């Protein structure tokens, strides 16, 4: 996976800006700054992750179906988990 790290400035007027690196970015009262960073390595044994959480990860685009099959093979043993992940697979 490729790390995606950037700063997003949501201006009070509704416009947005995105910067991967920046200094002297001027903010106005009411602007929102959102820092997006790469995720960590996780916590605990992947085989202990509940199937419901793996399904949400796939649905929300945090991992792909292929990544789920690689890192959570025991969890994906249930047909229910596989069916839901296929509904939300990104092409």
N, C-alpha and C. Protein backbone atom coordinates (compact mmCIF):
# COMPACT_ATOMS: atom_id res chain seq x y z
N UNK A 1 0.84 -1.18 0.00
CA UNK A 1 0.00 0.00 0.00
C UNK A 1 0.88 1.24 0.00
N UNK A 2 0.39 2.27 -0.63
CA UNK A 2 1.11 3.53 -0.72
C UNK A 2 0.60 4.47 0.37
N UNK A 3 1.53 5.04 1.10
CA UNK A 3 1.14 5.99 2.15
C UNK A 3 0.67 7.29 1.51
N UNK A 4 -0.41 7.82 2.03
CA UNK A 4 -0.96 9.07 1.53
C UNK A 4 -0.99 10.05 2.69
N UNK A 5 -0.08 11.01 2.67
CA UNK A 5 -0.02 11.98 3.74
C UNK A 5 -0.13 13.38 3.16
N UNK A 6 -1.08 14.15 3.68
CA UNK A 6 -1.27 15.50 3.19
C UNK A 6 -2.04 16.32 4.20
N UNK A 7 -2.11 17.61 3.95
CA UNK A 7 -2.89 18.53 4.76
C UNK A 7 -3.98 19.09 3.85
N UNK A 8 -5.18 19.11 4.35
CA UNK A 8 -6.31 19.65 3.59
C UNK A 8 -6.85 20.84 4.37
N UNK A 9 -7.01 21.96 3.68
CA UNK A 9 -7.57 23.16 4.31
C UNK A 9 -8.96 23.37 3.73
N UNK A 10 -9.96 23.32 4.59
CA UNK A 10 -11.34 23.55 4.18
C UNK A 10 -11.67 24.99 4.56
N UNK A 11 -11.76 25.84 3.56
CA UNK A 11 -11.98 27.27 3.79
C UNK A 11 -13.42 27.55 4.20
N UNK A 12 -13.58 28.57 4.98
CA UNK A 12 -14.89 28.97 5.50
C UNK A 12 -15.91 29.14 4.37
N UNK A 13 -15.49 29.62 3.22
CA UNK A 13 -16.38 29.85 2.09
C UNK A 13 -16.77 28.61 1.33
N UNK A 14 -16.23 27.46 1.72
CA UNK A 14 -16.61 26.20 1.06
C UNK A 14 -15.58 25.64 0.11
N UNK A 15 -14.53 26.39 -0.18
CA UNK A 15 -13.49 25.87 -1.06
C UNK A 15 -12.49 25.06 -0.25
N UNK A 16 -11.71 24.26 -0.94
CA UNK A 16 -10.73 23.44 -0.27
C UNK A 16 -9.39 23.50 -0.97
N UNK A 17 -8.34 23.29 -0.20
CA UNK A 17 -6.98 23.24 -0.74
C UNK A 17 -6.31 22.01 -0.16
N UNK A 18 -5.39 21.47 -0.92
CA UNK A 18 -4.66 20.29 -0.46
C UNK A 18 -3.18 20.51 -0.70
N UNK A 19 -2.38 20.19 0.30
CA UNK A 19 -0.93 20.36 0.18
C UNK A 19 -0.24 19.15 0.78
N UNK A 20 0.79 18.67 0.11
CA UNK A 20 1.55 17.56 0.66
C UNK A 20 2.69 18.07 1.52
N UNK A 21 3.02 19.32 1.34
CA UNK A 21 4.10 19.94 2.09
C UNK A 21 3.80 21.43 2.12
N UNK A 22 3.96 22.07 3.23
CA UNK A 22 3.67 23.49 3.22
C UNK A 22 4.18 24.23 4.42
N UNK A 23 4.57 25.45 4.17
CA UNK A 23 4.90 26.39 5.22
C UNK A 23 4.21 27.70 4.86
N UNK A 24 3.98 28.50 5.83
CA UNK A 24 3.33 29.79 5.60
C UNK A 24 1.98 29.66 4.90
N UNK A 25 1.21 28.69 5.30
CA UNK A 25 -0.16 28.56 4.79
C UNK A 25 -1.03 29.40 5.72
N UNK A 26 -1.60 30.43 5.18
CA UNK A 26 -2.38 31.36 6.00
C UNK A 26 -3.78 30.83 6.20
N UNK A 27 -4.25 30.92 7.43
CA UNK A 27 -5.58 30.47 7.79
C UNK A 27 -6.41 31.64 8.25
N UNK A 28 -7.69 31.53 8.02
CA UNK A 28 -8.64 32.53 8.50
C UNK A 28 -9.52 31.90 9.57
N UNK A 29 -10.11 32.73 10.39
CA UNK A 29 -11.03 32.23 11.40
C UNK A 29 -12.13 31.44 10.72
N UNK A 30 -12.37 30.23 11.19
CA UNK A 30 -13.41 29.38 10.61
C UNK A 30 -12.88 28.35 9.63
N UNK A 31 -11.63 28.50 9.17
CA UNK A 31 -11.04 27.48 8.31
C UNK A 31 -10.79 26.21 9.12
N UNK A 32 -10.85 25.09 8.47
CA UNK A 32 -10.61 23.81 9.12
C UNK A 32 -9.38 23.17 8.48
N UNK A 33 -8.46 22.70 9.31
CA UNK A 33 -7.26 22.01 8.83
C UNK A 33 -7.40 20.54 9.17
N UNK A 34 -7.25 19.71 8.17
CA UNK A 34 -7.35 18.27 8.35
C UNK A 34 -6.03 17.64 7.94
N UNK A 35 -5.39 16.95 8.86
CA UNK A 35 -4.12 16.27 8.57
C UNK A 35 -4.40 14.79 8.34
N UNK A 36 -4.01 14.29 7.19
CA UNK A 36 -4.21 12.89 6.84
C UNK A 36 -2.85 12.22 6.83
N UNK A 37 -2.73 11.15 7.61
CA UNK A 37 -1.47 10.43 7.69
C UNK A 37 -1.68 8.95 7.43
N UNK A 38 -0.60 8.28 7.15
CA UNK A 38 -0.64 6.84 6.92
C UNK A 38 -1.02 6.14 8.22
N UNK A 39 -1.58 4.95 8.09
CA UNK A 39 -1.97 4.19 9.26
C UNK A 39 -0.80 3.43 9.84
N UNK A 40 -1.00 2.93 11.01
CA UNK A 40 0.03 2.14 11.68
C UNK A 40 -0.04 0.68 11.28
N UNK A 41 0.69 -0.12 11.95
CA UNK A 41 0.77 -1.55 11.64
C UNK A 41 -0.32 -2.38 12.26
N UNK A 42 -1.17 -1.78 13.04
CA UNK A 42 -2.26 -2.53 13.65
C UNK A 42 -1.92 -2.99 15.04
N UNK A 43 -2.86 -3.67 15.65
CA UNK A 43 -2.70 -4.12 17.02
C UNK A 43 -3.26 -5.53 17.14
N UNK A 44 -2.47 -6.42 17.63
CA UNK A 44 -2.95 -7.77 17.90
C UNK A 44 -2.82 -8.70 16.70
N UNK A 45 -3.26 -9.91 16.91
CA UNK A 45 -3.19 -10.95 15.89
C UNK A 45 -4.32 -10.75 14.88
N UNK A 46 -4.01 -10.66 13.59
CA UNK A 46 -5.06 -10.44 12.58
C UNK A 46 -6.16 -11.50 12.61
N UNK A 47 -5.82 -12.72 12.98
CA UNK A 47 -6.84 -13.78 13.00
C UNK A 47 -7.87 -13.56 14.11
N UNK A 48 -7.56 -12.67 15.07
CA UNK A 48 -8.50 -12.36 16.14
C UNK A 48 -9.45 -11.22 15.78
N UNK A 49 -9.26 -10.58 14.62
CA UNK A 49 -10.12 -9.45 14.24
C UNK A 49 -11.50 -9.99 13.88
N UNK A 50 -12.54 -9.40 14.45
CA UNK A 50 -13.91 -9.86 14.15
C UNK A 50 -14.25 -9.68 12.67
N UNK A 51 -14.99 -10.64 12.13
CA UNK A 51 -15.40 -10.59 10.73
C UNK A 51 -16.16 -9.30 10.42
N UNK A 52 -16.95 -8.82 11.37
CA UNK A 52 -17.72 -7.59 11.13
C UNK A 52 -16.79 -6.40 10.89
N UNK A 53 -15.64 -6.37 11.58
CA UNK A 53 -14.69 -5.29 11.39
C UNK A 53 -13.97 -5.40 10.06
N UNK A 54 -13.64 -6.62 9.64
CA UNK A 54 -13.01 -6.82 8.33
C UNK A 54 -13.97 -6.39 7.23
N UNK A 55 -15.25 -6.73 7.38
CA UNK A 55 -16.26 -6.32 6.39
C UNK A 55 -16.33 -4.80 6.28
N UNK A 56 -16.31 -4.13 7.42
CA UNK A 56 -16.34 -2.66 7.39
C UNK A 56 -15.08 -2.08 6.75
N UNK A 57 -13.94 -2.69 7.01
CA UNK A 57 -12.69 -2.23 6.40
C UNK A 57 -12.76 -2.32 4.88
N UNK A 58 -13.32 -3.40 4.37
CA UNK A 58 -13.47 -3.57 2.92
C UNK A 58 -14.49 -2.56 2.39
N UNK A 59 -15.63 -2.46 3.05
CA UNK A 59 -16.69 -1.55 2.61
C UNK A 59 -16.20 -0.10 2.57
N UNK A 60 -15.42 0.30 3.58
CA UNK A 60 -14.94 1.68 3.67
C UNK A 60 -13.70 1.94 2.84
N UNK A 61 -13.20 0.93 2.15
CA UNK A 61 -12.05 1.12 1.28
C UNK A 61 -10.71 1.15 1.98
N UNK A 62 -10.68 0.73 3.26
CA UNK A 62 -9.40 0.72 3.99
C UNK A 62 -8.50 -0.40 3.48
N UNK A 63 -9.11 -1.52 3.10
CA UNK A 63 -8.37 -2.64 2.51
C UNK A 63 -9.18 -3.17 1.34
N UNK A 64 -8.50 -3.85 0.44
CA UNK A 64 -9.18 -4.47 -0.69
C UNK A 64 -9.58 -5.90 -0.32
N UNK A 65 -10.40 -6.50 -1.15
CA UNK A 65 -10.78 -7.89 -0.95
C UNK A 65 -9.53 -8.76 -0.95
N UNK A 66 -8.61 -8.48 -1.86
CA UNK A 66 -7.39 -9.29 -1.96
C UNK A 66 -6.55 -9.16 -0.69
N UNK A 67 -6.45 -7.95 -0.14
CA UNK A 67 -5.70 -7.75 1.10
C UNK A 67 -6.38 -8.48 2.26
N UNK A 68 -7.70 -8.44 2.30
CA UNK A 68 -8.43 -9.15 3.35
C UNK A 68 -8.17 -10.65 3.27
N UNK A 69 -8.18 -11.19 2.05
CA UNK A 69 -7.92 -12.62 1.88
C UNK A 69 -6.50 -12.98 2.31
N UNK A 70 -5.56 -12.07 2.08
CA UNK A 70 -4.16 -12.33 2.45
C UNK A 70 -3.93 -12.23 3.96
N UNK A 71 -4.47 -11.19 4.59
CA UNK A 71 -4.17 -10.91 5.98
C UNK A 71 -5.19 -11.45 6.98
N UNK A 72 -6.39 -11.79 6.52
CA UNK A 72 -7.43 -12.29 7.41
C UNK A 72 -8.04 -13.59 6.88
N UNK A 73 -7.25 -14.57 6.48
CA UNK A 73 -7.82 -15.77 5.86
C UNK A 73 -8.77 -16.54 6.78
N UNK A 74 -8.48 -16.61 8.07
CA UNK A 74 -9.35 -17.34 9.00
C UNK A 74 -10.68 -16.61 9.15
N UNK A 75 -10.63 -15.31 9.20
CA UNK A 75 -11.84 -14.51 9.38
C UNK A 75 -12.74 -14.60 8.16
N UNK A 76 -12.13 -14.67 6.97
CA UNK A 76 -12.92 -14.69 5.74
C UNK A 76 -13.45 -16.08 5.39
N UNK A 77 -13.27 -17.02 6.28
CA UNK A 77 -13.75 -18.37 6.02
C UNK A 77 -15.27 -18.42 5.93
N UNK A 78 -15.94 -17.44 6.52
CA UNK A 78 -17.41 -17.44 6.45
C UNK A 78 -17.88 -16.90 5.11
N UNK A 79 -18.85 -17.54 4.53
CA UNK A 79 -19.40 -17.11 3.23
C UNK A 79 -20.04 -15.74 3.33
N UNK A 80 -20.63 -15.42 4.48
CA UNK A 80 -21.27 -14.12 4.67
C UNK A 80 -20.27 -12.99 4.47
N UNK A 81 -19.08 -13.14 5.01
CA UNK A 81 -18.07 -12.10 4.89
C UNK A 81 -17.64 -11.93 3.44
N UNK A 82 -17.48 -13.04 2.74
CA UNK A 82 -17.09 -12.97 1.33
C UNK A 82 -18.17 -12.30 0.49
N UNK A 83 -19.44 -12.62 0.74
CA UNK A 83 -20.53 -12.02 -0.04
C UNK A 83 -20.56 -10.52 0.12
N UNK A 84 -20.44 -10.03 1.33
CA UNK A 84 -20.50 -8.59 1.56
C UNK A 84 -19.31 -7.89 0.93
N UNK A 85 -18.13 -8.47 1.04
CA UNK A 85 -16.95 -7.82 0.48
C UNK A 85 -17.05 -7.70 -1.03
N UNK A 86 -17.66 -8.67 -1.70
CA UNK A 86 -17.79 -8.59 -3.16
C UNK A 86 -18.75 -7.48 -3.57
N UNK A 87 -19.75 -7.19 -2.75
CA UNK A 87 -20.68 -6.10 -3.06
C UNK A 87 -19.99 -4.76 -3.08
N UNK A 88 -18.94 -4.61 -2.28
CA UNK A 88 -18.29 -3.31 -2.14
C UNK A 88 -16.91 -3.25 -2.76
N UNK A 89 -16.58 -4.24 -3.59
CA UNK A 89 -15.26 -4.27 -4.19
C UNK A 89 -15.08 -3.10 -5.14
N UNK A 90 -13.93 -2.43 -5.04
CA UNK A 90 -13.61 -1.33 -5.94
C UNK A 90 -12.95 -1.89 -7.18
N UNK A 91 -13.33 -1.37 -8.33
CA UNK A 91 -12.72 -1.83 -9.60
C UNK A 91 -11.62 -0.91 -10.03
